[in-house]
Amino acid sequence: MIAGVRDARRLSPEAQEDLRRRVVAAVHGGMSQAEAAQVFAVAPQSVSRWVQGNRARRVLPRVAGVASQASRKR
């Protein structure tokens, strides 16, 4: 979790999205959902929902500072 923040709902919308993407990336990278919930200090149900939502959209997680090929200007 971000230092000094106990509740992710208090983060800016951009920071919330970054957190979701980082959690999903960690799970896709091999971390269990339970471990990701503990590491990122979020509810296990949130991790499950975010991972399922990501699978449903079939979108690869983007981490801050890394643009997908589709989002790059040509």
Protein backbone atom coordinates (compact mmCIF):
# COMPACT_ATOMS: atom_id res chain seq x y z
CA MET A 1 0.00 0.00 0.00
CA ILE A 2 1.07 3.58 -0.44
CA ALA A 3 2.81 4.97 2.62
CA GLY A 4 0.49 6.76 5.00
CA VAL A 5 -2.73 5.58 3.31
CA ARG A 6 -4.79 2.95 5.14
CA ASP A 7 -7.81 2.97 2.84
CA ALA A 8 -7.37 2.77 -0.93
CA ARG A 9 -10.66 4.63 -1.34
CA ARG A 10 -8.85 7.74 -0.15
CA LEU A 11 -6.43 7.58 -3.07
CA SER A 12 -6.93 9.68 -6.18
CA PRO A 13 -8.73 7.89 -9.04
CA GLU A 14 -5.41 7.67 -10.90
CA ALA A 15 -3.67 6.11 -7.90
CA GLN A 16 -6.56 3.65 -7.44
CA GLU A 17 -6.25 2.55 -11.07
CA ASP A 18 -2.47 2.21 -10.70
CA LEU A 19 -2.97 0.06 -7.59
CA ARG A 20 -5.46 -2.18 -9.42
CA ARG A 21 -3.09 -2.60 -12.36
CA ARG A 22 -0.16 -3.42 -10.07
CA VAL A 23 -2.18 -6.01 -8.17
CA VAL A 24 -3.39 -7.66 -11.39
CA ALA A 25 0.16 -7.60 -12.82
CA ALA A 26 1.47 -9.28 -9.65
CA VAL A 27 -1.14 -12.05 -9.92
CA HIS A 28 -0.42 -12.52 -13.63
CA GLY A 29 3.26 -12.67 -12.70
CA GLY A 30 2.69 -15.68 -10.45
CA MET A 31 1.72 -14.24 -7.07
CA SER A 32 -1.35 -15.83 -5.49
CA GLN A 33 -4.41 -13.64 -5.04
CA ALA A 34 -4.19 -14.06 -1.26
CA GLU A 35 -0.53 -13.03 -1.25
CA ALA A 36 -1.25 -10.02 -3.50
CA ALA A 37 -4.02 -8.92 -1.14
CA GLN A 38 -1.62 -9.09 1.78
CA VAL A 39 1.29 -7.41 0.00
CA PHE A 40 -0.82 -4.54 -1.35
CA ALA A 41 -2.98 -4.29 1.81
CA VAL A 42 -6.30 -4.71 0.00
CA ALA A 43 -9.21 -7.09 0.54
CA PRO A 44 -8.89 -10.54 -1.07
CA GLN A 45 -12.34 -10.00 -2.60
CA SER A 46 -11.05 -6.88 -4.34
CA VAL A 47 -8.12 -8.78 -5.82
CA SER A 48 -10.46 -11.49 -7.10
CA ARG A 49 -12.82 -8.93 -8.63
CA TRP A 50 -9.98 -7.01 -10.30
CA VAL A 51 -8.41 -10.16 -11.75
CA GLN A 52 -11.78 -11.44 -13.00
CA GLY A 53 -12.58 -8.05 -14.52
CA ASN A 54 -9.23 -8.01 -16.24
CA ARG A 55 -9.82 -11.48 -17.69
CA ALA A 56 -13.29 -10.49 -18.90
CA ARG A 57 -11.89 -7.49 -20.77
CA ARG A 58 -8.84 -9.46 -21.92
CA VAL A 59 -6.72 -6.41 -21.31
CA LEU A 60 -3.11 -6.75 -20.34
CA PRO A 61 -2.34 -4.83 -17.17
CA ARG A 62 -0.45 -1.59 -17.67
CA VAL A 63 1.89 -0.40 -14.97
CA ALA A 64 2.48 3.32 -14.49
CA GLY A 65 4.94 4.62 -17.03
CA VAL A 66 4.48 1.75 -19.47
CA ALA A 67 2.20 2.46 -22.40
CA SER A 68 0.64 -0.31 -24.43
CA GLN A 69 1.39 -0.42 -28.14
CA ALA A 70 -2.21 0.53 -28.95
CA SER A 71 -2.09 3.67 -26.80
CA ARG A 72 1.13 5.05 -28.30
CA LYS A 73 0.78 7.98 -30.69
CA ARG A 74 1.81 7.21 -34.22
